[in-house]
Protein backbone atom coordinates (compact mmCIF):
# COMPACT_ATOMS: atom_id res chain seq x y z
CA MET A 1 160.32 93.90 -109.52
CA PRO A 2 158.19 97.10 -109.61
CA SER A 3 156.81 97.64 -113.03
CA GLY A 4 154.32 99.64 -115.11
CA THR A 5 152.98 99.60 -118.66
CA HIS A 6 150.81 102.24 -120.12
CA THR A 7 149.17 102.24 -123.62
CA THR A 8 147.93 105.23 -125.57
CA GLU A 9 146.54 105.69 -129.10
CA LEU A 10 147.83 108.47 -131.40
CA ASP A 11 146.44 109.88 -134.70
CA ILE A 12 149.87 109.54 -136.06
CA PRO A 13 151.36 107.26 -138.58
CA ILE A 14 153.69 104.67 -137.07
CA GLU A 15 156.70 106.09 -139.04
CA LYS A 16 156.49 109.43 -137.38
CA VAL A 17 156.18 107.71 -133.95
CA TRP A 18 159.49 105.73 -134.81
CA ASP A 19 161.16 108.94 -136.01
CA PHE A 20 160.56 110.55 -132.51
CA VAL A 21 161.39 107.59 -130.34
CA SER A 22 164.48 106.55 -132.39
CA ASP A 23 166.20 109.68 -131.23
CA MET A 24 167.02 109.64 -127.34
CA ASN A 25 167.58 113.39 -127.47
CA ARG A 26 163.86 113.94 -128.26
CA TRP A 27 162.37 111.78 -125.41
CA ALA A 28 165.00 111.78 -122.56
CA PRO A 29 163.88 115.42 -121.59
CA LEU A 30 160.34 114.11 -121.08
CA VAL A 31 161.22 111.83 -118.26
CA PRO A 32 159.51 113.00 -115.14
CA GLY A 33 161.92 114.90 -112.96
CA TYR A 34 164.43 115.29 -115.90
CA ILE A 35 167.56 117.31 -115.19
CA GLU A 36 169.94 116.27 -117.83
CA HIS A 37 171.01 113.53 -120.06
CA GLU A 38 174.35 112.75 -122.06
CA ILE A 39 174.62 110.50 -125.24
CA LEU A 40 177.79 108.28 -124.95
CA SER A 41 177.17 106.31 -128.24
CA ASP A 42 174.17 105.19 -130.43
CA THR A 43 173.27 102.73 -127.70
CA GLN A 44 174.37 104.20 -124.38
CA SER A 45 173.53 107.39 -122.49
CA THR A 46 173.23 108.60 -118.99
CA TRP A 47 170.33 110.37 -117.49
CA THR A 48 169.99 112.30 -114.43
CA PHE A 49 166.50 113.09 -112.84
CA LYS A 50 164.96 113.90 -109.65
CA GLY A 51 162.76 111.10 -108.44
CA ASP A 52 160.03 112.13 -105.91
CA LEU A 53 159.33 108.97 -103.95
CA GLY A 54 156.83 110.50 -101.76
CA VAL A 55 158.79 110.44 -98.47
CA MET A 56 162.03 111.15 -100.06
CA GLN A 57 163.44 112.92 -103.05
CA LYS A 58 166.60 111.44 -104.78
CA THR A 59 168.68 112.57 -107.56
CA VAL A 60 169.23 109.49 -109.57
CA LYS A 61 171.75 109.11 -112.37
CA LEU A 62 171.09 106.09 -114.49
CA GLN A 63 172.97 104.44 -117.44
CA ILE A 64 170.62 103.54 -120.25
CA ASP A 65 171.92 100.84 -122.66
CA ILE A 66 169.58 100.34 -125.76
CA THR A 67 169.34 96.40 -126.19
CA LYS A 68 167.27 96.53 -129.43
CA TRP A 69 166.36 99.09 -132.12
CA LYS A 70 163.66 97.37 -134.42
CA GLU A 71 162.21 99.83 -136.79
CA PRO A 72 159.38 100.99 -136.65
CA THR A 73 157.87 98.94 -133.79
CA LEU A 74 160.29 98.59 -130.81
CA VAL A 75 163.06 100.19 -128.67
CA THR A 76 164.21 97.99 -125.61
CA PHE A 77 166.64 99.36 -122.83
CA ASP A 78 168.31 98.07 -119.74
CA LEU A 79 169.05 100.72 -116.95
CA THR A 80 171.74 100.67 -114.29
CA GLY A 81 171.89 103.15 -111.41
CA LEU A 82 175.22 104.94 -111.35
CA ASN A 83 174.74 106.67 -107.96
CA GLU A 84 172.08 104.45 -106.44
CA ASN A 85 171.76 100.61 -106.50
CA PHE A 86 168.84 100.41 -109.05
CA ALA A 87 168.64 98.11 -112.13
CA GLY A 88 165.78 97.67 -114.55
CA ASN A 89 164.64 97.66 -118.07
CA GLY A 90 161.77 98.84 -120.31
CA TYR A 91 160.51 99.38 -123.75
CA PHE A 92 158.41 101.40 -126.21
CA LYS A 93 156.60 99.48 -128.58
CA ALA A 94 154.41 100.84 -131.45
CA GLU A 95 151.76 99.09 -133.30
CA SER A 96 150.12 100.32 -136.32
CA ILE A 97 146.26 100.37 -136.14
CA SER A 98 145.78 101.93 -139.43
CA ARG A 99 147.71 104.07 -141.75
CA PHE A 100 147.17 107.28 -139.74
CA LYS A 101 146.79 105.59 -136.16
CA THR A 102 149.30 103.98 -133.87
CA GLU A 103 148.95 102.43 -130.54
CA MET A 104 152.15 103.09 -128.30
CA HIS A 105 153.03 101.08 -125.14
CA GLY A 106 155.68 102.25 -122.57
CA ASN A 107 156.84 99.87 -120.18
CA LEU A 108 159.34 100.24 -117.29
CA GLU A 109 160.69 98.00 -114.50
CA ILE A 110 163.05 99.19 -111.86
CA VAL A 111 164.19 97.35 -108.70
CA ALA A 112 166.31 98.72 -105.95
CA LYS A 113 169.01 96.56 -104.48
CA GLY A 114 171.08 96.42 -101.35
CA LEU A 115 170.11 96.75 -97.71
CA LYS A 116 167.40 99.36 -98.40
CA GLY A 117 166.06 97.62 -101.22
CA PRO A 118 163.04 96.10 -99.80
CA VAL A 119 161.88 99.51 -98.35
CA ILE A 120 162.58 101.45 -101.69
CA ASN A 121 160.88 98.69 -103.65
CA THR A 122 157.78 99.15 -101.75
CA ILE A 123 157.72 102.78 -102.61
CA LEU A 124 158.69 102.15 -106.25
CA LYS A 125 155.68 99.79 -106.66
CA SER A 126 153.45 103.10 -107.01
CA PHE A 127 156.22 105.29 -108.44
CA VAL A 128 157.27 103.05 -111.43
CA PRO A 129 153.81 102.67 -112.95
CA LYS A 130 153.08 106.36 -112.71
CA THR A 131 156.53 107.09 -114.17
CA ALA A 132 155.76 104.80 -117.20
CA GLU A 133 152.34 106.41 -117.58
CA ASN A 134 153.76 110.01 -117.33
CA LEU A 135 156.64 109.27 -119.80
CA THR A 136 154.41 107.63 -122.29
CA GLU A 137 151.71 110.44 -122.11
CA ALA A 138 154.48 113.15 -122.32
CA ILE A 139 155.81 111.34 -125.70
CA ALA A 140 152.21 111.20 -126.97
CA GLU A 141 151.65 114.87 -126.19
CA GLU A 142 154.90 115.87 -127.77
CA LEU A 143 154.32 113.99 -130.86
CA THR A 144 150.72 115.40 -131.13
CA SER A 145 152.09 118.91 -130.55
CA ILE A 146 154.77 118.35 -133.56
CA GLU A 147 152.06 117.12 -135.80
CA LEU A 148 149.88 120.01 -135.01
CA ARG A 149 152.89 122.52 -135.84
CA ARG A 150 153.19 120.83 -139.18
CA VAL A 151 149.37 121.35 -140.41
């Protein structure tokens, strides 16, 4: 299964990281290629984004199901393609390094199924790690920006 994990260190307390990632409305728009999202419940949403897979661009609609909210350290989720045959999962994990420093890990795994699956999975092997990195860094930048505005 194509996967990627990215880690970054923030000069922000873990509680503030949790406040941000525990609200999907705050980080869904940071997904690379974001078009829109809709919150269906506390644990379910749909996201639409444009995926640039190099040789092709796809508008993908995914259902995101939060499988665990473990304050203040972990959010895990499953994803299911609504208009494409994709499945996967991921997580955001935060670890307190000190009172004012947090290490944040973003992970994403996506697999394409069906007849085109093997071909698309070859492309996803580079796309998924880059997406995990870009999303984790976008969240880190947004959190840092919020903290700077508070000062």
